[in-house]
Amino acid sequence: MDRTGTFQDRAADACARALSPADAVRLERSVEDALRIIAAACAERNEPPVKAARRQLAEIYGATRLSRRRERSGAGA
């Protein structure tokens, strides 16, 4: 059994042999679409309003956890 190359390389080679040219084009387009969607989500996530809202929610969440921890430690003491 040939152990050269990574598993991903061997899998990609097997897929390339198994796909018709039309299937390969569809797969490439599908990957391009997925990457485009990921890039758009990352860009949206880093926009100032979203980033500020996420920061505010994180602060509220942290304050809530701290409050609950204080309540538990006060009740247990």
PDB file of N, CA and C in Angstrom:
ATOM      1  N   MET A   1       0.849  -1.185   0.000  1.00  0.00           N
ATOM      2  CA  MET A   1       0.000   0.000   0.000  1.00  0.00           C
ATOM      3  C   MET A   1       0.888   1.239   0.000  1.00  0.00           C
ATOM      4  N   ASP A   2       0.560   2.183  -0.854  1.00  0.00           N
ATOM      5  CA  ASP A   2       1.356   3.405  -0.980  1.00  0.00           C
ATOM      6  C   ASP A   2       1.001   4.361   0.145  1.00  0.00           C
ATOM      7  N   ARG A   3       2.001   4.768   0.942  1.00  0.00           N
ATOM      8  CA  ARG A   3       1.773   5.668   2.068  1.00  0.00           C
ATOM      9  C   ARG A   3       2.327   7.062   1.810  1.00  0.00           C
ATOM     10  N   THR A   4       2.683   7.380   0.575  1.00  0.00           N
ATOM     11  CA  THR A   4       3.233   8.707   0.291  1.00  0.00           C
ATOM     12  C   THR A   4       2.099   9.721   0.193  1.00  0.00           C
ATOM     13  N   GLY A   5       2.377  10.946   0.585  1.00  0.00           N
ATOM     14  CA  GLY A   5       1.381  12.012   0.531  1.00  0.00           C
ATOM     15  C   GLY A   5       0.436  11.936   1.704  1.00  0.00           C
ATOM     16  N   THR A   6      -0.286  12.997   1.916  1.00  0.00           N
ATOM     17  CA  THR A   6      -1.236  13.037   3.015  1.00  0.00           C
ATOM     18  C   THR A   6      -2.536  12.375   2.598  1.00  0.00           C
ATOM     19  N   PHE A   7      -3.364  12.109   3.584  1.00  0.00           N
ATOM     20  CA  PHE A   7      -4.669  11.537   3.308  1.00  0.00           C
ATOM     21  C   PHE A   7      -5.473  12.456   2.391  1.00  0.00           C
ATOM     22  N   GLN A   8      -5.395  13.771   2.665  1.00  0.00           N
ATOM     23  CA  GLN A   8      -6.142  14.732   1.856  1.00  0.00           C
ATOM     24  C   GLN A   8      -5.676  14.694   0.402  1.00  0.00           C
ATOM     25  N   ASP A   9      -4.352  14.564   0.194  1.00  0.00           N
ATOM     26  CA  ASP A   9      -3.833  14.487  -1.179  1.00  0.00           C
ATOM     27  C   ASP A   9      -4.361  13.251  -1.885  1.00  0.00           C
ATOM     28  N   ARG A  10      -4.316  12.121  -1.188  1.00  0.00           N
ATOM     29  CA  ARG A  10      -4.804  10.875  -1.794  1.00  0.00           C
ATOM     30  C   ARG A  10      -6.295  10.960  -2.066  1.00  0.00           C
ATOM     31  N   ALA A  11      -7.061  11.563  -1.131  1.00  0.00           N
ATOM     32  CA  ALA A  11      -8.502  11.703  -1.320  1.00  0.00           C
ATOM     33  C   ALA A  11      -8.806  12.628  -2.491  1.00  0.00           C
ATOM     34  N   ALA A  12      -8.054  13.723  -2.596  1.00  0.00           N
ATOM     35  CA  ALA A  12      -8.262  14.657  -3.711  1.00  0.00           C
ATOM     36  C   ALA A  12      -7.950  13.974  -5.043  1.00  0.00           C
ATOM     37  N   ASP A  13      -6.893  13.181  -5.081  1.00  0.00           N
ATOM     38  CA  ASP A  13      -6.556  12.454  -6.307  1.00  0.00           C
ATOM     39  C   ASP A  13      -7.666  11.472  -6.677  1.00  0.00           C
ATOM     40  N   ALA A  14      -8.199  10.766  -5.689  1.00  0.00           N
ATOM     41  CA  ALA A  14      -9.273   9.808  -5.944  1.00  0.00           C
ATOM     42  C   ALA A  14     -10.518  10.524  -6.454  1.00  0.00           C
ATOM     43  N   CYS A  15     -10.825  11.665  -5.861  1.00  0.00           N
ATOM     44  CA  CYS A  15     -11.997  12.433  -6.310  1.00  0.00           C
ATOM     45  C   CYS A  15     -11.798  12.946  -7.732  1.00  0.00           C
ATOM     46  N   ALA A  16     -10.603  13.408  -8.020  1.00  0.00           N
ATOM     47  CA  ALA A  16     -10.324  13.937  -9.349  1.00  0.00           C
ATOM     48  C   ALA A  16     -10.491  12.841 -10.404  1.00  0.00           C
ATOM     49  N   ARG A  17     -10.088  11.638 -10.061  1.00  0.00           N
ATOM     50  CA  ARG A  17     -10.246  10.539 -11.016  1.00  0.00           C
ATOM     51  C   ARG A  17     -11.708  10.137 -11.156  1.00  0.00           C
ATOM     52  N   ALA A  18     -12.497  10.273 -10.096  1.00  0.00           N
ATOM     53  CA  ALA A  18     -13.878   9.817 -10.101  1.00  0.00           C
ATOM     54  C   ALA A  18     -14.841  10.839 -10.697  1.00  0.00           C
ATOM     55  N   LEU A  19     -14.473  12.113 -10.723  1.00  0.00           N
ATOM     56  CA  LEU A  19     -15.374  13.152 -11.195  1.00  0.00           C
ATOM     57  C   LEU A  19     -15.280  13.344 -12.700  1.00  0.00           C
ATOM     58  N   SER A  20     -16.424  13.582 -13.296  1.00  0.00           N
ATOM     59  CA  SER A  20     -16.429  13.975 -14.696  1.00  0.00           C
ATOM     60  C   SER A  20     -16.032  15.439 -14.756  1.00  0.00           C
ATOM     61  N   PRO A  21     -15.634  15.942 -15.910  1.00  0.00           N
ATOM     62  CA  PRO A  21     -15.287  17.365 -16.005  1.00  0.00           C
ATOM     63  C   PRO A  21     -16.428  18.284 -15.561  1.00  0.00           C
ATOM     64  N   ALA A  22     -17.651  17.930 -15.903  1.00  0.00           N
ATOM     65  CA  ALA A  22     -18.798  18.755 -15.500  1.00  0.00           C
ATOM     66  C   ALA A  22     -18.967  18.731 -13.979  1.00  0.00           C
ATOM     67  N   ASP A  23     -18.772  17.550 -13.368  1.00  0.00           N
ATOM     68  CA  ASP A  23     -18.870  17.449 -11.915  1.00  0.00           C
ATOM     69  C   ASP A  23     -17.766  18.247 -11.239  1.00  0.00           C
ATOM     70  N   ALA A  24     -16.583  18.231 -11.807  1.00  0.00           N
ATOM     71  CA  ALA A  24     -15.463  18.984 -11.235  1.00  0.00           C
ATOM     72  C   ALA A  24     -15.754  20.481 -11.256  1.00  0.00           C
ATOM     73  N   VAL A  25     -16.360  20.957 -12.340  1.00  0.00           N
ATOM     74  CA  VAL A  25     -16.713  22.379 -12.442  1.00  0.00           C
ATOM     75  C   VAL A  25     -17.769  22.723 -11.402  1.00  0.00           C
ATOM     76  N   ARG A  26     -18.781  21.858 -11.243  1.00  0.00           N
ATOM     77  CA  ARG A  26     -19.819  22.103 -10.239  1.00  0.00           C
ATOM     78  C   ARG A  26     -19.233  22.116  -8.834  1.00  0.00           C
ATOM     79  N   LEU A  27     -18.289  21.208  -8.565  1.00  0.00           N
ATOM     80  CA  LEU A  27     -17.649  21.171  -7.258  1.00  0.00           C
ATOM     81  C   LEU A  27     -16.853  22.446  -7.007  1.00  0.00           C
ATOM     82  N   GLU A  28     -16.114  22.901  -8.006  1.00  0.00           N
ATOM     83  CA  GLU A  28     -15.346  24.138  -7.863  1.00  0.00           C
ATOM     84  C   GLU A  28     -16.267  25.325  -7.582  1.00  0.00           C
ATOM     85  N   ARG A  29     -17.376  25.393  -8.308  1.00  0.00           N
ATOM     86  CA  ARG A  29     -18.328  26.491  -8.089  1.00  0.00           C
ATOM     87  C   ARG A  29     -18.922  26.417  -6.690  1.00  0.00           C
ATOM     88  N   SER A  30     -19.216  25.204  -6.240  1.00  0.00           N
ATOM     89  CA  SER A  30     -19.777  25.022  -4.908  1.00  0.00           C
ATOM     90  C   SER A  30     -18.793  25.486  -3.839  1.00  0.00           C
ATOM     91  N   VAL A  31     -17.536  25.138  -4.001  1.00  0.00           N
ATOM     92  CA  VAL A  31     -16.508  25.561  -3.051  1.00  0.00           C
ATOM     93  C   VAL A  31     -16.349  27.074  -3.093  1.00  0.00           C
ATOM     94  N   GLU A  32     -16.341  27.650  -4.287  1.00  0.00           N
ATOM     95  CA  GLU A  32     -16.232  29.105  -4.417  1.00  0.00           C
ATOM     96  C   GLU A  32     -17.403  29.795  -3.731  1.00  0.00           C
ATOM     97  N   ASP A  33     -18.611  29.254  -3.907  1.00  0.00           N
ATOM     98  CA  ASP A  33     -19.790  29.836  -3.261  1.00  0.00           C
ATOM     99  C   ASP A  33     -19.670  29.761  -1.741  1.00  0.00           C
ATOM    100  N   ALA A  34     -19.224  28.617  -1.237  1.00  0.00           N
ATOM    101  CA  ALA A  34     -19.070  28.454   0.209  1.00  0.00           C
ATOM    102  C   ALA A  34     -18.041  29.441   0.756  1.00  0.00           C
ATOM    103  N   LEU A  35     -16.934  29.603   0.055  1.00  0.00           N
ATOM    104  CA  LEU A  35     -15.911  30.545   0.501  1.00  0.00           C
ATOM    105  C   LEU A  35     -16.410  31.986   0.454  1.00  0.00           C
ATOM    106  N   ARG A  36     -17.209  32.300  -0.538  1.00  0.00           N
ATOM    107  CA  ARG A  36     -17.781  33.647  -0.655  1.00  0.00           C
ATOM    108  C   ARG A  36     -18.731  33.913   0.519  1.00  0.00           C
ATOM    109  N   ILE A  37     -19.546  32.928   0.875  1.00  0.00           N
ATOM    110  CA  ILE A  37     -20.479  33.076   1.994  1.00  0.00           C
ATOM    111  C   ILE A  37     -19.720  33.244   3.305  1.00  0.00           C
ATOM    112  N   ILE A  38     -18.659  32.476   3.485  1.00  0.00           N
ATOM    113  CA  ILE A  38     -17.839  32.582   4.695  1.00  0.00           C
ATOM    114  C   ILE A  38     -17.204  33.963   4.784  1.00  0.00           C
ATOM    115  N   ALA A  39     -16.676  34.450   3.678  1.00  0.00           N
ATOM    116  CA  ALA A  39     -16.056  35.779   3.670  1.00  0.00           C
ATOM    117  C   ALA A  39     -17.077  36.860   4.001  1.00  0.00           C
ATOM    118  N   ALA A  40     -18.283  36.739   3.460  1.00  0.00           N
ATOM    119  CA  ALA A  40     -19.327  37.726   3.744  1.00  0.00           C
ATOM    120  C   ALA A  40     -19.720  37.684   5.218  1.00  0.00           C
ATOM    121  N   ALA A  41     -19.818  36.498   5.785  1.00  0.00           N
ATOM    122  CA  ALA A  41     -20.168  36.377   7.203  1.00  0.00           C
ATOM    123  C   ALA A  41     -19.075  36.991   8.074  1.00  0.00           C
ATOM    124  N   CYS A  42     -17.820  36.759   7.722  1.00  0.00           N
ATOM    125  CA  CYS A  42     -16.710  37.343   8.488  1.00  0.00           C
ATOM    126  C   CYS A  42     -16.724  38.864   8.396  1.00  0.00           C
ATOM    127  N   ALA A  43     -16.970  39.377   7.205  1.00  0.00           N
ATOM    128  CA  ALA A  43     -17.019  40.832   7.021  1.00  0.00           C
ATOM    129  C   ALA A  43     -18.168  41.437   7.819  1.00  0.00           C
ATOM    130  N   GLU A  44     -19.322  40.779   7.795  1.00  0.00           N
ATOM    131  CA  GLU A  44     -20.480  41.274   8.542  1.00  0.00           C
ATOM    132  C   GLU A  44     -20.217  41.231  10.040  1.00  0.00           C
ATOM    133  N   ARG A  45     -19.567  40.183  10.477  1.00  0.00           N
ATOM    134  CA  ARG A  45     -19.293  40.024  11.908  1.00  0.00           C
ATOM    135  C   ARG A  45     -18.354  41.113  12.423  1.00  0.00           C
ATOM    136  N   ASN A  46     -17.478  41.602  11.570  1.00  0.00           N
ATOM    137  CA  ASN A  46     -16.509  42.607  11.980  1.00  0.00           C
ATOM    138  C   ASN A  46     -16.961  44.036  11.726  1.00  0.00           C
ATOM    139  N   GLU A  47     -18.176  44.221  11.206  1.00  0.00           N
ATOM    140  CA  GLU A  47     -18.690  45.571  11.005  1.00  0.00           C
ATOM    141  C   GLU A  47     -18.919  46.221  12.369  1.00  0.00           C
ATOM    142  N   PRO A  48     -18.689  47.526  12.483  1.00  0.00           N
ATOM    143  CA  PRO A  48     -18.778  48.194  13.785  1.00  0.00           C
ATOM    144  C   PRO A  48     -20.067  47.952  14.569  1.00  0.00           C
ATOM    145  N   PRO A  49     -21.271  48.057  13.975  1.00  0.00           N
ATOM    146  CA  PRO A  49     -22.468  47.851  14.791  1.00  0.00           C
ATOM    147  C   PRO A  49     -22.545  46.428  15.356  1.00  0.00           C
ATOM    148  N   VAL A  50     -22.200  45.457  14.546  1.00  0.00           N
ATOM    149  CA  VAL A  50     -22.261  44.072  15.000  1.00  0.00           C
ATOM    150  C   VAL A  50     -21.200  43.821  16.056  1.00  0.00           C
ATOM    151  N   LYS A  51     -20.023  44.332  15.817  1.00  0.00           N
ATOM    152  CA  LYS A  51     -18.933  44.148  16.773  1.00  0.00           C
ATOM    153  C   LYS A  51     -19.279  44.805  18.110  1.00  0.00           C
ATOM    154  N   ALA A  52     -19.847  45.992  18.058  1.00  0.00           N
ATOM    155  CA  ALA A  52     -20.233  46.688  19.284  1.00  0.00           C
ATOM    156  C   ALA A  52     -21.332  45.921  20.018  1.00  0.00           C
ATOM    157  N   ALA A  53     -22.293  45.404  19.283  1.00  0.00           N
ATOM    158  CA  ALA A  53     -23.375  44.642  19.908  1.00  0.00           C
ATOM    159  C   ALA A  53     -22.838  43.367  20.550  1.00  0.00           C
ATOM    160  N   ARG A  54     -21.928  42.705  19.869  1.00  0.00           N
ATOM    161  CA  ARG A  54     -21.330  41.492  20.427  1.00  0.00           C
ATOM    162  C   ARG A  54     -20.546  41.821  21.695  1.00  0.00           C
ATOM    163  N   ARG A  55     -19.824  42.924  21.689  1.00  0.00           N
ATOM    164  CA  ARG A  55     -19.065  43.331  22.866  1.00  0.00           C
ATOM    165  C   ARG A  55     -20.007  43.628  24.033  1.00  0.00           C
ATOM    166  N   GLN A  56     -21.102  44.331  23.749  1.00  0.00           N
ATOM    167  CA  GLN A  56     -22.072  44.665  24.792  1.00  0.00           C
ATOM    168  C   GLN A  56     -22.698  43.395  25.372  1.00  0.00           C
ATOM    169  N   LEU A  57     -23.071  42.461  24.518  1.00  0.00           N
ATOM    170  CA  LEU A  57     -23.640  41.202  25.004  1.00  0.00           C
ATOM    171  C   LEU A  57     -22.631  40.427  25.841  1.00  0.00           C
ATOM    172  N   ALA A  58     -21.370  40.465  25.445  1.00  0.00           N
ATOM    173  CA  ALA A  58     -20.327  39.781  26.219  1.00  0.00           C
ATOM    174  C   ALA A  58     -20.178  40.414  27.593  1.00  0.00           C
ATOM    175  N   GLU A  59     -20.259  41.728  27.666  1.00  0.00           N
ATOM    176  CA  GLU A  59     -20.170  42.409  28.960  1.00  0.00           C
ATOM    177  C   GLU A  59     -21.357  42.042  29.852  1.00  0.00           C
ATOM    178  N   ILE A  60     -22.552  42.015  29.282  1.00  0.00           N
ATOM    179  CA  ILE A  60     -23.747  41.653  30.058  1.00  0.00           C
ATOM    180  C   ILE A  60     -23.630  40.216  30.539  1.00  0.00           C
ATOM    181  N   TYR A  61     -23.200  39.336  29.659  1.00  0.00           N
ATOM    182  CA  TYR A  61     -23.042  37.927  30.017  1.00  0.00           C
ATOM    183  C   TYR A  61     -22.023  37.778  31.141  1.00  0.00           C
ATOM    184  N   GLY A  62     -20.908  38.482  31.034  1.00  0.00           N
ATOM    185  CA  GLY A  62     -19.876  38.416  32.069  1.00  0.00           C
ATOM    186  C   GLY A  62     -20.382  38.941  33.399  1.00  0.00           C
ATOM    187  N   ALA A  63     -21.121  40.048  33.375  1.00  0.00           N
ATOM    188  CA  ALA A  63     -21.668  40.613  34.611  1.00  0.00           C
ATOM    189  C   ALA A  63     -22.678  39.662  35.233  1.00  0.00           C
ATOM    190  N   THR A  64     -23.480  39.025  34.419  1.00  0.00           N
ATOM    191  CA  THR A  64     -24.471  38.076  34.923  1.00  0.00           C
ATOM    192  C   THR A  64     -23.784  36.883  35.576  1.00  0.00           C
ATOM    193  N   ARG A  65     -22.761  36.362  34.926  1.00  0.00           N
ATOM    194  CA  ARG A  65     -22.023  35.229  35.511  1.00  0.00           C
ATOM    195  C   ARG A  65     -21.376  35.616  36.829  1.00  0.00           C
ATOM    196  N   LEU A  66     -20.789  36.815  36.887  1.00  0.00           N
ATOM    197  CA  LEU A  66     -20.148  37.281  38.116  1.00  0.00           C
ATOM    198  C   LEU A  66     -21.185  37.410  39.234  1.00  0.00           C
ATOM    199  N   SER A  67     -22.342  37.973  38.916  1.00  0.00           N
ATOM    200  CA  SER A  67     -23.407  38.131  39.899  1.00  0.00           C
ATOM    201  C   SER A  67     -23.856  36.772  40.429  1.00  0.00           C
ATOM    202  N   ARG A  68     -24.056  35.825  39.559  1.00  0.00           N
ATOM    203  CA  ARG A  68     -24.480  34.486  39.990  1.00  0.00           C
ATOM    204  C   ARG A  68     -23.410  33.817  40.835  1.00  0.00           C
ATOM    205  N   ARG A  69     -22.158  34.001  40.469  1.00  0.00           N
ATOM    206  CA  ARG A  69     -21.065  33.407  41.239  1.00  0.00           C
ATOM    207  C   ARG A  69     -21.031  34.007  42.643  1.00  0.00           C
ATOM    208  N   ARG A  70     -21.251  35.319  42.734  1.00  0.00           N
ATOM    209  CA  ARG A  70     -21.267  35.983  44.054  1.00  0.00           C
ATOM    210  C   ARG A  70     -22.437  35.469  44.887  1.00  0.00           C
ATOM    211  N   GLU A  71     -23.608  35.287  44.259  1.00  0.00           N
ATOM    212  CA  GLU A  71     -24.769  34.774  44.970  1.00  0.00           C
ATOM    213  C   GLU A  71     -24.506  33.372  45.519  1.00  0.00           C
ATOM    214  N   ARG A  72     -23.886  32.520  44.709  1.00  0.00           N
ATOM    215  CA  ARG A  72     -23.585  31.148  45.144  1.00  0.00           C
ATOM    216  C   ARG A  72     -22.568  31.144  46.282  1.00  0.00           C
ATOM    217  N   SER A  73     -21.539  31.975  46.150  1.00  0.00           N
ATOM    218  CA  SER A  73     -20.505  31.993  47.189  1.00  0.00           C
ATOM    219  C   SER A  73     -21.043  32.601  48.481  1.00  0.00           C
ATOM    220  N   GLY A  74     -21.962  33.541  48.401  1.00  0.00           N
ATOM    221  CA  GLY A  74     -22.574  34.151  49.586  1.00  0.00           C
ATOM    222  C   GLY A  74     -23.538  33.187  50.251  1.00  0.00           C
ATOM    223  N   ALA A  75     -24.253  32.408  49.451  1.00  0.00           N
ATOM    224  CA  ALA A  75     -25.220  31.467  50.007  1.00  0.00           C
ATOM    225  C   ALA A  75     -24.503  30.257  50.625  1.00  0.00           C
ATOM    226  N   GLY A  76     -23.353  29.913  50.082  1.00  0.00           N
ATOM    227  CA  GLY A  76     -22.615  28.744  50.566  1.00  0.00           C
ATOM    228  C   GLY A  76     -21.735  29.051  51.752  1.00  0.00           C
ATOM    229  N   ALA A  77     -21.510  30.318  52.050  1.00  0.00           N
ATOM    230  CA  ALA A  77     -20.589  30.683  53.148  1.00  0.00           C
ATOM    231  C   ALA A  77     -21.231  30.707  54.487  1.00  0.00           C
TER     232      ALA A  77
END
